[in-house]
Amino acid sequence: MGKYLNQAASPRVLNHAWQYLRHDRGLWCRGLATPEMQRHLIQHVGELSQQLLNGQYHPEAMNCFEIDKADGKKRLICAAAVRDKLVQRAILSVIEPLGEAIFHEASCGFRPKYNLDMALAKVREWVRKGYIWLGDADIKACFDTIPYQQVLKRLYKMCGDKQLIAVVKDSIESMPGQFRLNGQSRGLPQGMVLSPFLCNLHLHDLDCKLQSHHIPFVRFADDFVLLAQNESAANQALQLAESQLNKLGLALNHDKTRVIRSSPHYYFR
């Protein structure tokens, strides 16, 4: 049994993870409501722990549905059973510190102690230093198009736990194939507990590339801002970012990417 999956399956970590989900009213698993399951909570969580330790755990297929976006388009959301959310939450609690040890301070989305206000404050601080031109960028369908095998390789490099990788892979692939519109090897389900962390892990290479070229930036998940002292430098920075994204199997959304002069009313879109 791998070190990190063994930690995730421990009573201490599962109990901590349960605190995030104890008010969830969804199904614990097919045919069993969570309120009903809580009458025998220790038994069910204990069985789940043993399945993880014995290599017998397999997530149920996610329930996928569309919601309306502000721009009139649709966003696909995939919801796991509460039992599977608990496993993902437990895994997140043991791998998140590994990510925090390497993630760039300018990556502000979906991380402990980081938020949108902090991201905007970082942008304004660069503007005050004279970096008044912004490469305001959006990654096209980022979560839906991430090549998740690349993410799993990065995760394995980080933790070296093959058993944990197998569980994460099963969790990603519990998204029904008919909802993978960009191919069977692409996509982190939006709604999966682990997806934001895995997205940040995949985009860490972008952060490192920008830093190596001394380009100030602030990223909030799949939206990021590149800062420059003139318009030409902002355009060059965007070209570099686009090249790196292509290497990651991703692309800029050119309809939502622009070079603009800073404004006191700037916000992440």
Protein backbone atom coordinates (compact mmCIF):
# COMPACT_ATOMS: atom_id res chain seq x y z
CA MET A 1 0.00 0.00 0.00
CA GLY A 2 1.30 3.41 -0.98
CA LYS A 3 2.23 5.89 1.73
CA TYR A 4 -0.26 8.60 0.80
CA LEU A 5 -3.23 6.38 0.05
CA ASN A 6 -2.60 4.65 3.38
CA GLN A 7 -2.80 8.07 5.05
CA ALA A 8 -5.98 8.97 3.16
CA ALA A 9 -7.63 5.71 4.28
CA SER A 10 -6.81 6.29 7.95
CA PRO A 11 -9.63 6.99 10.43
CA ARG A 12 -8.11 10.37 11.30
CA VAL A 13 -8.03 11.65 7.73
CA LEU A 14 -11.41 10.18 6.77
CA ASN A 15 -12.97 11.75 9.85
CA HIS A 16 -11.45 15.12 8.93
CA ALA A 17 -12.73 14.76 5.36
CA TRP A 18 -16.20 13.84 6.63
CA GLN A 19 -16.55 17.22 8.32
CA TYR A 20 -16.79 18.81 4.85
CA LEU A 21 -19.56 16.44 3.78
CA ARG A 22 -21.67 15.62 6.82
CA HIS A 23 -24.43 18.01 5.70
CA ASP A 24 -24.44 16.71 2.11
CA ARG A 25 -27.95 15.47 1.27
CA GLY A 26 -26.96 13.44 -1.77
CA LEU A 27 -26.75 9.68 -2.07
CA TRP A 28 -23.98 7.99 -0.12
CA CYS A 29 -23.99 5.38 -2.86
CA ARG A 30 -26.55 4.01 -5.29
CA GLY A 31 -29.67 3.11 -3.33
CA LEU A 32 -28.58 4.57 0.02
CA ALA A 33 -29.28 8.15 1.10
CA THR A 34 -26.64 9.85 3.21
CA PRO A 35 -29.00 10.57 6.14
CA GLU A 36 -29.83 6.86 6.25
CA MET A 37 -26.16 5.92 6.01
CA GLN A 38 -25.33 8.15 9.00
CA ARG A 39 -27.26 5.81 11.29
CA HIS A 40 -24.36 3.39 10.78
CA LEU A 41 -21.65 5.93 9.98
CA ILE A 42 -18.71 4.12 11.57
CA GLN A 43 -19.59 0.89 9.79
CA HIS A 44 -19.87 2.48 6.34
CA VAL A 45 -16.74 4.62 6.64
CA GLY A 46 -14.84 1.65 8.08
CA GLU A 47 -15.86 -0.48 5.09
CA LEU A 48 -14.76 2.29 2.74
CA SER A 49 -11.38 2.47 4.49
CA GLN A 50 -10.87 -1.27 4.09
CA GLN A 51 -11.79 -1.13 0.40
CA LEU A 52 -9.15 1.55 -0.14
CA LEU A 53 -6.53 -0.41 1.77
CA ASN A 54 -7.34 -3.67 -0.03
CA GLY A 55 -7.43 -2.17 -3.50
CA GLN A 56 -11.14 -2.99 -3.82
CA TYR A 57 -12.48 0.56 -3.99
CA HIS A 58 -14.09 1.68 -7.23
CA PRO A 59 -16.10 4.91 -7.61
CA GLU A 60 -19.60 4.93 -9.03
CA ALA A 61 -20.30 6.68 -12.32
CA MET A 62 -20.81 10.40 -11.81
CA ASN A 63 -24.16 12.06 -12.37
CA CYS A 64 -23.58 14.72 -15.06
CA PHE A 65 -25.88 17.62 -15.92
CA GLU A 66 -25.72 21.08 -17.48
CA ILE A 67 -26.22 24.45 -15.79
CA ASP A 68 -26.66 27.87 -17.39
CA LYS A 69 -23.67 30.24 -17.50
CA ALA A 70 -23.92 34.01 -17.31
CA ASP A 71 -23.08 34.33 -21.01
CA GLY A 72 -26.03 32.12 -22.00
CA LYS A 73 -23.90 29.04 -22.65
CA LYS A 74 -24.00 25.79 -20.72
CA ARG A 75 -21.51 24.34 -18.24
CA LEU A 76 -21.33 20.61 -17.63
CA ILE A 77 -21.23 19.67 -13.94
CA CYS A 78 -20.50 16.13 -12.74
CA ALA A 79 -21.52 15.11 -9.23
CA ALA A 80 -20.02 12.11 -7.49
CA ALA A 81 -21.73 10.04 -4.81
CA VAL A 82 -20.99 11.27 -1.28
CA ARG A 83 -18.93 8.12 -0.66
CA ASP A 84 -16.69 9.03 -3.59
CA LYS A 85 -16.50 12.69 -2.56
CA LEU A 86 -15.26 11.50 0.83
CA VAL A 87 -12.44 9.53 -0.78
CA GLN A 88 -11.47 12.50 -2.95
CA ARG A 89 -11.57 14.88 0.00
CA ALA A 90 -9.35 12.53 2.02
CA ILE A 91 -6.87 12.26 -0.86
CA LEU A 92 -6.86 16.03 -1.27
CA SER A 93 -5.99 16.50 2.38
CA VAL A 94 -2.82 14.41 2.03
CA ILE A 95 -1.60 15.68 -1.36
CA GLU A 96 -2.51 19.34 -0.93
CA PRO A 97 0.51 20.04 1.31
CA LEU A 98 2.76 18.60 -1.42
CA GLY A 99 1.28 21.05 -3.90
CA GLU A 100 1.56 23.95 -1.50
CA ALA A 101 5.27 23.23 -1.18
CA ILE A 102 5.84 23.92 -4.90
CA PHE A 103 2.99 26.10 -6.19
CA HIS A 104 3.84 29.66 -7.16
CA GLU A 105 2.69 32.47 -4.87
CA ALA A 106 1.01 34.12 -7.89
CA SER A 107 -1.32 31.13 -8.27
CA CYS A 108 -4.29 32.24 -6.18
CA GLY A 109 -7.22 30.03 -7.21
CA PHE A 110 -8.58 27.16 -5.11
CA ARG A 111 -5.77 27.09 -2.60
CA PRO A 112 -5.83 27.35 1.20
CA LYS A 113 -5.31 30.93 2.41
CA TYR A 114 -5.70 32.33 -1.13
CA ASN A 115 -8.75 34.01 -2.64
CA LEU A 116 -9.92 36.31 -5.43
CA ASP A 117 -9.37 39.49 -3.40
CA MET A 118 -5.75 38.48 -2.90
CA ALA A 119 -5.33 37.92 -6.64
CA LEU A 120 -6.70 41.36 -7.43
CA ALA A 121 -4.46 42.92 -4.78
CA LYS A 122 -1.42 41.32 -6.41
CA VAL A 123 -2.44 42.75 -9.80
CA ARG A 124 -2.85 46.23 -8.31
CA GLU A 125 0.53 46.01 -6.61
CA TRP A 126 2.24 45.34 -9.95
CA VAL A 127 0.30 48.21 -11.53
CA ARG A 128 1.54 50.55 -8.78
CA LYS A 129 5.09 49.51 -9.70
CA GLY A 130 4.54 50.69 -13.27
CA TYR A 131 3.36 47.47 -14.93
CA ILE A 132 0.31 49.15 -16.39
CA TRP A 133 -0.30 46.90 -19.42
CA LEU A 134 -2.22 43.67 -18.87
CA GLY A 135 -2.31 40.53 -20.95
CA ASP A 136 -5.75 39.47 -19.74
CA ALA A 137 -6.02 35.78 -20.66
CA ASP A 138 -8.52 32.93 -20.48
CA ILE A 139 -7.76 29.26 -21.22
CA LYS A 140 -10.26 27.73 -23.62
CA ALA A 141 -12.41 25.05 -21.92
CA CYS A 142 -9.51 24.37 -19.55
CA PHE A 143 -11.06 21.73 -17.29
CA ASP A 144 -12.77 20.02 -20.23
CA THR A 145 -9.61 19.71 -22.34
CA ILE A 146 -6.77 19.00 -19.90
CA PRO A 147 -5.01 15.77 -20.99
CA TYR A 148 -5.48 14.00 -17.69
CA GLN A 149 -2.79 11.35 -18.28
CA GLN A 150 -0.27 14.19 -18.16
CA VAL A 151 -1.79 15.30 -14.86
CA LEU A 152 -1.49 11.79 -13.42
CA LYS A 153 2.18 11.67 -14.42
CA ARG A 154 2.78 14.97 -12.64
CA LEU A 155 0.93 13.71 -9.59
CA TYR A 156 3.00 10.52 -9.54
CA LYS A 157 6.20 12.57 -9.82
CA MET A 158 5.00 14.55 -6.82
CA CYS A 159 3.95 11.69 -4.52
CA GLY A 160 5.36 8.44 -5.97
CA ASP A 161 2.26 6.52 -4.84
CA LYS A 162 0.99 4.19 -7.58
CA GLN A 163 -2.02 3.06 -5.56
CA LEU A 164 -3.15 6.64 -4.99
CA ILE A 165 -2.69 7.42 -8.68
CA ALA A 166 -4.90 4.43 -9.55
CA VAL A 167 -7.70 5.74 -7.33
CA VAL A 168 -7.42 9.26 -8.76
CA LYS A 169 -7.47 7.83 -12.30
CA ASP A 170 -10.61 5.81 -11.51
CA SER A 171 -12.20 8.93 -10.04
CA ILE A 172 -11.51 10.97 -13.18
CA GLU A 173 -12.75 8.17 -15.41
CA SER A 174 -15.97 7.80 -13.43
CA MET A 175 -17.22 10.65 -15.63
CA PRO A 176 -19.36 8.82 -18.25
CA GLY A 177 -17.70 8.69 -21.65
CA GLN A 178 -20.61 10.29 -23.50
CA PHE A 179 -19.89 13.54 -21.64
CA ARG A 180 -16.24 13.67 -22.73
CA LEU A 181 -16.84 15.81 -25.78
CA ASN A 182 -13.12 16.53 -26.28
CA GLY A 183 -12.02 12.90 -26.34
CA GLN A 184 -11.74 10.04 -23.88
CA SER A 185 -8.26 11.06 -22.73
CA ARG A 186 -9.21 14.64 -21.89
CA GLY A 187 -11.05 16.45 -19.15
CA LEU A 188 -11.17 16.89 -15.39
CA PRO A 189 -14.82 16.71 -14.30
CA GLN A 190 -16.07 20.09 -13.09
CA GLY A 191 -17.59 19.31 -9.73
CA MET A 192 -15.01 16.69 -8.77
CA VAL A 193 -13.35 17.59 -5.47
CA LEU A 194 -9.85 16.99 -6.84
CA SER A 195 -10.23 18.87 -10.13
CA PRO A 196 -9.11 22.36 -8.98
CA PHE A 197 -5.96 20.96 -7.36
CA LEU A 198 -5.15 18.86 -10.44
CA CYS A 199 -5.72 21.88 -12.67
CA ASN A 200 -3.26 23.94 -10.62
CA LEU A 201 -0.77 21.08 -10.78
CA HIS A 202 -1.03 20.92 -14.58
CA LEU A 203 -0.70 24.69 -14.95
CA HIS A 204 2.29 24.83 -12.61
CA ASP A 205 4.53 24.42 -15.67
CA LEU A 206 3.02 27.59 -17.11
CA ASP A 207 3.74 29.44 -13.88
CA CYS A 208 7.36 28.23 -13.90
CA LYS A 209 7.82 29.24 -17.55
CA LEU A 210 6.55 32.75 -16.89
CA GLN A 211 8.76 33.09 -13.84
CA SER A 212 11.83 31.89 -15.76
CA HIS A 213 11.25 34.70 -18.27
CA HIS A 214 10.75 37.25 -15.47
CA ILE A 215 7.16 37.96 -16.52
CA PRO A 216 4.98 39.21 -13.64
CA PHE A 217 1.68 37.34 -13.55
CA VAL A 218 -1.28 36.48 -11.38
CA ARG A 219 -3.30 33.34 -12.03
CA PHE A 220 -6.68 32.35 -10.66
CA ALA A 221 -7.24 28.76 -11.85
CA ASP A 222 -7.75 28.98 -15.64
CA ASP A 223 -7.75 32.81 -15.80
CA PHE A 224 -4.49 34.72 -15.62
CA VAL A 225 -3.05 38.19 -16.07
CA LEU A 226 0.39 38.99 -17.43
CA LEU A 227 1.78 42.40 -16.51
CA ALA A 228 4.15 44.58 -18.52
CA GLN A 229 5.39 48.14 -18.68
CA ASN A 230 4.38 48.63 -22.30
CA GLU A 231 1.92 47.19 -24.79
CA SER A 232 4.55 45.41 -26.88
CA ALA A 233 5.91 43.51 -23.88
CA ALA A 234 2.39 42.47 -22.88
CA ASN A 235 1.79 41.03 -26.35
CA GLN A 236 5.11 39.18 -26.25
CA ALA A 237 4.25 37.75 -22.85
CA LEU A 238 0.93 36.45 -24.19
CA GLN A 239 2.72 34.79 -27.10
CA LEU A 240 5.05 33.00 -24.68
CA ALA A 241 2.13 31.90 -22.51
CA GLU A 242 0.24 30.60 -25.53
CA SER A 243 3.25 28.57 -26.67
CA GLN A 244 3.58 26.98 -23.22
CA LEU A 245 -0.15 26.24 -23.03
CA ASN A 246 0.05 24.47 -26.38
CA LYS A 247 2.78 22.23 -24.94
CA LEU A 248 0.37 21.41 -22.11
CA GLY A 249 -2.34 20.42 -24.58
CA LEU A 250 -4.33 23.60 -23.95
CA ALA A 251 -5.17 26.76 -25.88
CA LEU A 252 -5.99 30.39 -25.24
CA ASN A 253 -9.58 31.48 -25.67
CA HIS A 254 -8.93 34.34 -28.10
CA ASP A 255 -12.48 35.65 -27.68
CA LYS A 256 -11.71 36.37 -24.03
CA THR A 257 -8.01 37.21 -24.28
CA ARG A 258 -6.85 40.78 -24.81
CA VAL A 259 -4.13 43.31 -24.08
CA ILE A 260 -5.45 46.32 -22.20
CA ARG A 261 -4.18 49.25 -20.22
CA SER A 262 -4.85 48.92 -16.51
CA SER A 263 -8.01 50.33 -14.97
CA PRO A 264 -9.06 50.82 -11.35
CA HIS A 265 -12.11 48.71 -12.19
CA TYR A 266 -10.21 45.63 -13.38
CA TYR A 267 -11.51 42.26 -12.20
CA PHE A 268 -10.99 38.59 -13.10
CA ARG A 269 -13.66 37.55 -15.58
